[in-house]
Amino acid sequence: MQSPCVARCGLNDDDYCMGCYRHIDEIVGWGKASEARKAQICSKLEQRKTDMVKSENSAILSRAKWLEAEARIAEVDDSSV
């Protein structure tokens, strides 16, 4: 499944991208996610867009936030082994 990224990254205060409406953890984990997980994420995007339409970009996706999300995902992966 193709990524819903629209190359307009900007995270709100809750770490949701205001371009594609995915959470930073969903963005970072996309490459390793199963097709079922990707479909689950995509099924939520239209409602998130509706809910967030009045929000504005409050930050640019930063390397630090990316690394924090990678660490959280690695912890989950490690605990499931």
PDB file of N, CA and C in Angstrom:
ATOM      1  N   MET A   1       0.851  -1.178   0.000  1.00  0.00           N
ATOM      2  CA  MET A   1       0.000   0.000   0.000  1.00  0.00           C
ATOM      3  C   MET A   1       0.891   1.233   0.000  1.00  0.00           C
ATOM      4  N   GLN A   2       0.546   2.191  -0.818  1.00  0.00           N
ATOM      5  CA  GLN A   2       1.322   3.416  -0.932  1.00  0.00           C
ATOM      6  C   GLN A   2       1.109   4.307   0.292  1.00  0.00           C
ATOM      7  N   SER A   3       2.155   4.980   0.693  1.00  0.00           N
ATOM      8  CA  SER A   3       2.082   5.904   1.815  1.00  0.00           C
ATOM      9  C   SER A   3       1.131   7.062   1.493  1.00  0.00           C
ATOM     10  N   PRO A   4       0.352   7.496   2.475  1.00  0.00           N
ATOM     11  CA  PRO A   4      -0.526   8.649   2.267  1.00  0.00           C
ATOM     12  C   PRO A   4       0.192   9.993   2.395  1.00  0.00           C
ATOM     13  N   CYS A   5       1.514   9.967   2.515  1.00  0.00           N
ATOM     14  CA  CYS A   5       2.290  11.199   2.644  1.00  0.00           C
ATOM     15  C   CYS A   5       2.033  12.120   1.454  1.00  0.00           C
ATOM     16  N   VAL A   6       1.843  13.400   1.752  1.00  0.00           N
ATOM     17  CA  VAL A   6       1.648  14.404   0.704  1.00  0.00           C
ATOM     18  C   VAL A   6       2.785  15.426   0.708  1.00  0.00           C
ATOM     19  N   ALA A   7       3.867  15.100   1.420  1.00  0.00           N
ATOM     20  CA  ALA A   7       5.068  15.939   1.486  1.00  0.00           C
ATOM     21  C   ALA A   7       4.779  17.357   1.965  1.00  0.00           C
ATOM     22  N   ARG A   8       3.874  17.472   2.924  1.00  0.00           N
ATOM     23  CA  ARG A   8       3.573  18.767   3.560  1.00  0.00           C
ATOM     24  C   ARG A   8       3.602  18.560   5.072  1.00  0.00           C
ATOM     25  N   CYS A   9       4.697  18.010   5.552  1.00  0.00           N
ATOM     26  CA  CYS A   9       4.808  17.625   6.955  1.00  0.00           C
ATOM     27  C   CYS A   9       4.805  18.832   7.882  1.00  0.00           C
ATOM     28  N   GLY A  10       4.019  18.729   8.901  1.00  0.00           N
ATOM     29  CA  GLY A  10       3.982  19.705   9.977  1.00  0.00           C
ATOM     30  C   GLY A  10       3.183  19.088  11.099  1.00  0.00           C
ATOM     31  N   LEU A  11       3.806  18.924  12.253  1.00  0.00           N
ATOM     32  CA  LEU A  11       3.134  18.266  13.362  1.00  0.00           C
ATOM     33  C   LEU A  11       2.394  19.265  14.229  1.00  0.00           C
ATOM     34  N   ASN A  12       1.192  18.870  14.651  1.00  0.00           N
ATOM     35  CA  ASN A  12       0.482  19.702  15.612  1.00  0.00           C
ATOM     36  C   ASN A  12       0.988  19.357  17.015  1.00  0.00           C
ATOM     37  N   ASP A  13       0.396  19.950  18.017  1.00  0.00           N
ATOM     38  CA  ASP A  13       0.868  19.734  19.385  1.00  0.00           C
ATOM     39  C   ASP A  13       0.684  18.296  19.863  1.00  0.00           C
ATOM     40  N   ASP A  14      -0.186  17.534  19.195  1.00  0.00           N
ATOM     41  CA  ASP A  14      -0.423  16.136  19.558  1.00  0.00           C
ATOM     42  C   ASP A  14       0.377  15.171  18.693  1.00  0.00           C
ATOM     43  N   ASP A  15       1.328  15.687  17.924  1.00  0.00           N
ATOM     44  CA  ASP A  15       2.218  14.898  17.063  1.00  0.00           C
ATOM     45  C   ASP A  15       1.500  14.232  15.889  1.00  0.00           C
ATOM     46  N   TYR A  16       0.442  14.879  15.399  1.00  0.00           N
ATOM     47  CA  TYR A  16      -0.214  14.431  14.165  1.00  0.00           C
ATOM     48  C   TYR A  16       0.233  15.338  13.030  1.00  0.00           C
ATOM     49  N   CYS A  17       0.567  14.729  11.895  1.00  0.00           N
ATOM     50  CA  CYS A  17       0.974  15.495  10.725  1.00  0.00           C
ATOM     51  C   CYS A  17      -0.256  16.173  10.129  1.00  0.00           C
ATOM     52  N   MET A  18      -0.134  17.451   9.867  1.00  0.00           N
ATOM     53  CA  MET A  18      -1.251  18.202   9.305  1.00  0.00           C
ATOM     54  C   MET A  18      -1.303  18.088   7.779  1.00  0.00           C
ATOM     55  N   GLY A  19      -0.387  17.320   7.206  1.00  0.00           N
ATOM     56  CA  GLY A  19      -0.419  17.051   5.774  1.00  0.00           C
ATOM     57  C   GLY A  19      -1.159  15.756   5.471  1.00  0.00           C
ATOM     58  N   CYS A  20      -0.771  14.674   6.161  1.00  0.00           N
ATOM     59  CA  CYS A  20      -1.374  13.355   5.884  1.00  0.00           C
ATOM     60  C   CYS A  20      -2.261  12.861   7.027  1.00  0.00           C
ATOM     61  N   TYR A  21      -2.228  13.537   8.172  1.00  0.00           N
ATOM     62  CA  TYR A  21      -3.077  13.234   9.329  1.00  0.00           C
ATOM     63  C   TYR A  21      -2.699  11.941  10.040  1.00  0.00           C
ATOM     64  N   ARG A  22      -1.450  11.483   9.829  1.00  0.00           N
ATOM     65  CA  ARG A  22      -0.967  10.338  10.587  1.00  0.00           C
ATOM     66  C   ARG A  22      -0.214  10.826  11.815  1.00  0.00           C
ATOM     67  N   HIS A  23      -0.207  10.010  12.865  1.00  0.00           N
ATOM     68  CA  HIS A  23       0.588  10.280  14.054  1.00  0.00           C
ATOM     69  C   HIS A  23       2.050   9.992  13.722  1.00  0.00           C
ATOM     70  N   ILE A  24       2.956  10.659  14.385  1.00  0.00           N
ATOM     71  CA  ILE A  24       4.386  10.474  14.123  1.00  0.00           C
ATOM     72  C   ILE A  24       4.779   9.002  14.224  1.00  0.00           C
ATOM     73  N   ASP A  25       4.200   8.263  15.182  1.00  0.00           N
ATOM     74  CA  ASP A  25       4.518   6.841  15.311  1.00  0.00           C
ATOM     75  C   ASP A  25       4.057   6.060  14.073  1.00  0.00           C
ATOM     76  N   GLU A  26       2.926   6.453  13.509  1.00  0.00           N
ATOM     77  CA  GLU A  26       2.429   5.794  12.299  1.00  0.00           C
ATOM     78  C   GLU A  26       3.318   6.111  11.102  1.00  0.00           C
ATOM     79  N   ILE A  27       3.823   7.328  11.055  1.00  0.00           N
ATOM     80  CA  ILE A  27       4.706   7.734   9.957  1.00  0.00           C
ATOM     81  C   ILE A  27       6.016   6.960  10.032  1.00  0.00           C
ATOM     82  N   VAL A  28       6.636   6.957  11.191  1.00  0.00           N
ATOM     83  CA  VAL A  28       7.930   6.294  11.368  1.00  0.00           C
ATOM     84  C   VAL A  28       7.793   4.781  11.165  1.00  0.00           C
ATOM     85  N   GLY A  29       6.699   4.200  11.615  1.00  0.00           N
ATOM     86  CA  GLY A  29       6.519   2.755  11.523  1.00  0.00           C
ATOM     87  C   GLY A  29       5.951   2.264  10.208  1.00  0.00           C
ATOM     88  N   TRP A  30       5.616   3.174   9.290  1.00  0.00           N
ATOM     89  CA  TRP A  30       4.951   2.799   8.043  1.00  0.00           C
ATOM     90  C   TRP A  30       5.716   1.733   7.255  1.00  0.00           C
ATOM     91  N   GLY A  31       7.006   1.881   7.135  1.00  0.00           N
ATOM     92  CA  GLY A  31       7.805   0.958   6.328  1.00  0.00           C
ATOM     93  C   GLY A  31       7.780  -0.473   6.831  1.00  0.00           C
ATOM     94  N   LYS A  32       7.633  -0.659   8.129  1.00  0.00           N
ATOM     95  CA  LYS A  32       7.613  -1.998   8.717  1.00  0.00           C
ATOM     96  C   LYS A  32       6.198  -2.509   8.971  1.00  0.00           C
ATOM     97  N   ALA A  33       5.207  -1.669   8.773  1.00  0.00           N
ATOM     98  CA  ALA A  33       3.826  -2.045   9.086  1.00  0.00           C
ATOM     99  C   ALA A  33       3.290  -3.075   8.088  1.00  0.00           C
ATOM    100  N   SER A  34       2.454  -3.963   8.585  1.00  0.00           N
ATOM    101  CA  SER A  34       1.795  -4.934   7.712  1.00  0.00           C
ATOM    102  C   SER A  34       0.761  -4.207   6.851  1.00  0.00           C
ATOM    103  N   GLU A  35       0.320  -4.869   5.808  1.00  0.00           N
ATOM    104  CA  GLU A  35      -0.723  -4.277   4.954  1.00  0.00           C
ATOM    105  C   GLU A  35      -1.994  -4.033   5.760  1.00  0.00           C
ATOM    106  N   ALA A  36      -2.300  -4.940   6.680  1.00  0.00           N
ATOM    107  CA  ALA A  36      -3.494  -4.769   7.525  1.00  0.00           C
ATOM    108  C   ALA A  36      -3.360  -3.528   8.400  1.00  0.00           C
ATOM    109  N   ARG A  37      -2.184  -3.323   8.969  1.00  0.00           N
ATOM    110  CA  ARG A  37      -1.944  -2.147   9.817  1.00  0.00           C
ATOM    111  C   ARG A  37      -2.032  -0.871   8.986  1.00  0.00           C
ATOM    112  N   LYS A  38      -1.450  -0.896   7.787  1.00  0.00           N
ATOM    113  CA  LYS A  38      -1.523   0.271   6.905  1.00  0.00           C
ATOM    114  C   LYS A  38      -2.976   0.601   6.565  1.00  0.00           C
ATOM    115  N   ALA A  39      -3.758  -0.425   6.279  1.00  0.00           N
ATOM    116  CA  ALA A  39      -5.175  -0.211   5.965  1.00  0.00           C
ATOM    117  C   ALA A  39      -5.913   0.370   7.170  1.00  0.00           C
ATOM    118  N   GLN A  40      -5.560  -0.108   8.354  1.00  0.00           N
ATOM    119  CA  GLN A  40      -6.175   0.402   9.587  1.00  0.00           C
ATOM    120  C   GLN A  40      -5.855   1.891   9.769  1.00  0.00           C
ATOM    121  N   ILE A  41      -4.610   2.245   9.550  1.00  0.00           N
ATOM    122  CA  ILE A  41      -4.194   3.647   9.659  1.00  0.00           C
ATOM    123  C   ILE A  41      -4.953   4.494   8.645  1.00  0.00           C
ATOM    124  N   CYS A  42      -4.967   4.049   7.394  1.00  0.00           N
ATOM    125  CA  CYS A  42      -5.623   4.818   6.329  1.00  0.00           C
ATOM    126  C   CYS A  42      -7.125   4.989   6.574  1.00  0.00           C
ATOM    127  N   SER A  43      -7.729   3.999   7.218  1.00  0.00           N
ATOM    128  CA  SER A  43      -9.171   4.089   7.481  1.00  0.00           C
ATOM    129  C   SER A  43      -9.520   5.213   8.454  1.00  0.00           C
ATOM    130  N   LYS A  44      -8.549   5.674   9.209  1.00  0.00           N
ATOM    131  CA  LYS A  44      -8.778   6.725  10.207  1.00  0.00           C
ATOM    132  C   LYS A  44      -8.510   8.137   9.676  1.00  0.00           C
ATOM    133  N   LEU A  45      -7.861   8.237   8.521  1.00  0.00           N
ATOM    134  CA  LEU A  45      -7.350   9.528   8.072  1.00  0.00           C
ATOM    135  C   LEU A  45      -8.430  10.535   7.701  1.00  0.00           C
ATOM    136  N   GLU A  46      -9.474  10.119   7.045  1.00  0.00           N
ATOM    137  CA  GLU A  46     -10.516  11.060   6.627  1.00  0.00           C
ATOM    138  C   GLU A  46     -11.203  11.703   7.836  1.00  0.00           C
ATOM    139  N   GLN A  47     -11.478  10.898   8.871  1.00  0.00           N
ATOM    140  CA  GLN A  47     -12.091  11.445  10.082  1.00  0.00           C
ATOM    141  C   GLN A  47     -11.129  12.384  10.802  1.00  0.00           C
ATOM    142  N   ARG A  48      -9.868  12.015  10.846  1.00  0.00           N
ATOM    143  CA  ARG A  48      -8.879  12.901  11.469  1.00  0.00           C
ATOM    144  C   ARG A  48      -8.816  14.230  10.723  1.00  0.00           C
ATOM    145  N   LYS A  49      -8.841  14.158   9.402  1.00  0.00           N
ATOM    146  CA  LYS A  49      -8.806  15.390   8.610  1.00  0.00           C
ATOM    147  C   LYS A  49      -9.985  16.282   8.968  1.00  0.00           C
ATOM    148  N   THR A  50     -11.166  15.698   9.050  1.00  0.00           N
ATOM    149  CA  THR A  50     -12.365  16.445   9.423  1.00  0.00           C
ATOM    150  C   THR A  50     -12.200  17.061  10.800  1.00  0.00           C
ATOM    151  N   ASP A  51     -11.682  16.277  11.733  1.00  0.00           N
ATOM    152  CA  ASP A  51     -11.514  16.749  13.112  1.00  0.00           C
ATOM    153  C   ASP A  51     -10.458  17.843  13.238  1.00  0.00           C
ATOM    154  N   MET A  52      -9.438  17.792  12.384  1.00  0.00           N
ATOM    155  CA  MET A  52      -8.308  18.710  12.520  1.00  0.00           C
ATOM    156  C   MET A  52      -8.330  19.872  11.539  1.00  0.00           C
ATOM    157  N   VAL A  53      -9.341  19.944  10.702  1.00  0.00           N
ATOM    158  CA  VAL A  53      -9.336  20.924   9.621  1.00  0.00           C
ATOM    159  C   VAL A  53      -9.159  22.363  10.125  1.00  0.00           C
ATOM    160  N   LYS A  54      -9.562  22.643  11.338  1.00  0.00           N
ATOM    161  CA  LYS A  54      -9.433  24.001  11.867  1.00  0.00           C
ATOM    162  C   LYS A  54      -8.099  24.241  12.563  1.00  0.00           C
ATOM    163  N   SER A  55      -7.294  23.176  12.686  1.00  0.00           N
ATOM    164  CA  SER A  55      -5.981  23.318  13.310  1.00  0.00           C
ATOM    165  C   SER A  55      -5.010  23.902  12.293  1.00  0.00           C
ATOM    166  N   GLU A  56      -3.885  24.351  12.770  1.00  0.00           N
ATOM    167  CA  GLU A  56      -2.853  24.852  11.864  1.00  0.00           C
ATOM    168  C   GLU A  56      -1.537  24.180  12.204  1.00  0.00           C
ATOM    169  N   ASN A  57      -0.654  24.130  11.223  1.00  0.00           N
ATOM    170  CA  ASN A  57       0.666  23.544  11.472  1.00  0.00           C
ATOM    171  C   ASN A  57       1.356  24.336  12.569  1.00  0.00           C
ATOM    172  N   SER A  58       1.775  23.616  13.596  1.00  0.00           N
ATOM    173  CA  SER A  58       2.439  24.311  14.689  1.00  0.00           C
ATOM    174  C   SER A  58       3.919  23.982  14.765  1.00  0.00           C
ATOM    175  N   ALA A  59       4.359  23.013  13.976  1.00  0.00           N
ATOM    176  CA  ALA A  59       5.778  22.633  14.002  1.00  0.00           C
ATOM    177  C   ALA A  59       6.109  21.875  12.732  1.00  0.00           C
ATOM    178  N   ILE A  60       7.372  21.867  12.416  1.00  0.00           N
ATOM    179  CA  ILE A  60       7.855  21.067  11.298  1.00  0.00           C
ATOM    180  C   ILE A  60       8.376  19.758  11.875  1.00  0.00           C
ATOM    181  N   LEU A  61       8.125  18.683  11.174  1.00  0.00           N
ATOM    182  CA  LEU A  61       8.600  17.388  11.619  1.00  0.00           C
ATOM    183  C   LEU A  61      10.099  17.473  11.856  1.00  0.00           C
ATOM    184  N   SER A  62      10.503  17.301  13.090  1.00  0.00           N
ATOM    185  CA  SER A  62      11.916  17.472  13.424  1.00  0.00           C
ATOM    186  C   SER A  62      12.609  16.121  13.565  1.00  0.00           C
ATOM    187  N   ARG A  63      13.901  16.140  13.406  1.00  0.00           N
ATOM    188  CA  ARG A  63      14.705  14.931  13.562  1.00  0.00           C
ATOM    189  C   ARG A  63      14.546  14.385  14.979  1.00  0.00           C
ATOM    190  N   ALA A  64      14.482  15.257  15.972  1.00  0.00           N
ATOM    191  CA  ALA A  64      14.348  14.812  17.358  1.00  0.00           C
ATOM    192  C   ALA A  64      13.034  14.056  17.560  1.00  0.00           C
ATOM    193  N   LYS A  65      11.932  14.570  17.014  1.00  0.00           N
ATOM    194  CA  LYS A  65      10.650  13.880  17.148  1.00  0.00           C
ATOM    195  C   LYS A  65      10.681  12.544  16.420  1.00  0.00           C
ATOM    196  N   TRP A  66      11.338  12.512  15.277  1.00  0.00           N
ATOM    197  CA  TRP A  66      11.469  11.272  14.517  1.00  0.00           C
ATOM    198  C   TRP A  66      12.210  10.225  15.351  1.00  0.00           C
ATOM    199  N   LEU A  67      13.329  10.614  15.958  1.00  0.00           N
ATOM    200  CA  LEU A  67      14.120   9.683  16.759  1.00  0.00           C
ATOM    201  C   LEU A  67      13.358   9.207  17.991  1.00  0.00           C
ATOM    202  N   GLU A  68      12.584  10.094  18.616  1.00  0.00           N
ATOM    203  CA  GLU A  68      11.752   9.702  19.755  1.00  0.00           C
ATOM    204  C   GLU A  68      10.736   8.644  19.337  1.00  0.00           C
ATOM    205  N   ALA A  69      10.110   8.845  18.196  1.00  0.00           N
ATOM    206  CA  ALA A  69       9.123   7.888  17.699  1.00  0.00           C
ATOM    207  C   ALA A  69       9.784   6.558  17.357  1.00  0.00           C
ATOM    208  N   GLU A  70      10.955   6.590  16.736  1.00  0.00           N
ATOM    209  CA  GLU A  70      11.675   5.358  16.425  1.00  0.00           C
ATOM    210  C   GLU A  70      11.965   4.571  17.700  1.00  0.00           C
ATOM    211  N   ALA A  71      12.364   5.266  18.760  1.00  0.00           N
ATOM    212  CA  ALA A  71      12.677   4.606  20.029  1.00  0.00           C
ATOM    213  C   ALA A  71      11.425   3.963  20.625  1.00  0.00           C
ATOM    214  N   ARG A  72      10.285   4.664  20.561  1.00  0.00           N
ATOM    215  CA  ARG A  72       9.035   4.095  21.077  1.00  0.00           C
ATOM    216  C   ARG A  72       8.646   2.836  20.307  1.00  0.00           C
ATOM    217  N   ILE A  73       8.775   2.893  18.992  1.00  0.00           N
ATOM    218  CA  ILE A  73       8.409   1.744  18.161  1.00  0.00           C
ATOM    219  C   ILE A  73       9.354   0.582  18.414  1.00  0.00           C
ATOM    220  N   ALA A  74      10.639   0.860  18.589  1.00  0.00           N
ATOM    221  CA  ALA A  74      11.614  -0.190  18.876  1.00  0.00           C
ATOM    222  C   ALA A  74      11.299  -0.870  20.200  1.00  0.00           C
ATOM    223  N   GLU A  75      10.878  -0.104  21.192  1.00  0.00           N
ATOM    224  CA  GLU A  75      10.510  -0.676  22.479  1.00  0.00           C
ATOM    225  C   GLU A  75       9.337  -1.643  22.323  1.00  0.00           C
ATOM    226  N   VAL A  76       8.339  -1.261  21.543  1.00  0.00           N
ATOM    227  CA  VAL A  76       7.186  -2.119  21.308  1.00  0.00           C
ATOM    228  C   VAL A  76       7.618  -3.384  20.561  1.00  0.00           C
ATOM    229  N   ASP A  77       8.453  -3.224  19.536  1.00  0.00           N
ATOM    230  CA  ASP A  77       8.950  -4.363  18.777  1.00  0.00           C
ATOM    231  C   ASP A  77       9.749  -5.317  19.669  1.00  0.00           C
ATOM    232  N   ASP A  78      10.598  -4.761  20.528  1.00  0.00           N
ATOM    233  CA  ASP A  78      11.425  -5.571  21.415  1.00  0.00           C
ATOM    234  C   ASP A  78      10.591  -6.320  22.449  1.00  0.00           C
ATOM    235  N   SER A  79       9.517  -5.716  22.926  1.00  0.00           N
ATOM    236  CA  SER A  79       8.693  -6.360  23.945  1.00  0.00           C
ATOM    237  C   SER A  79       7.810  -7.457  23.366  1.00  0.00           C
ATOM    238  N   SER A  80       7.608  -7.447  22.054  1.00  0.00           N
ATOM    239  CA  SER A  80       6.760  -8.475  21.441  1.00  0.00           C
ATOM    240  C   SER A  80       7.548  -9.709  21.020  1.00  0.00           C
ATOM    241  N   VAL A  81       8.875  -9.660  21.206  1.00  0.00           N
ATOM    242  CA  VAL A  81       9.723 -10.794  20.799  1.00  0.00           C
ATOM    243  C   VAL A  81       9.842 -11.766  21.928  1.00  0.00           C
TER     244      VAL A  81
END
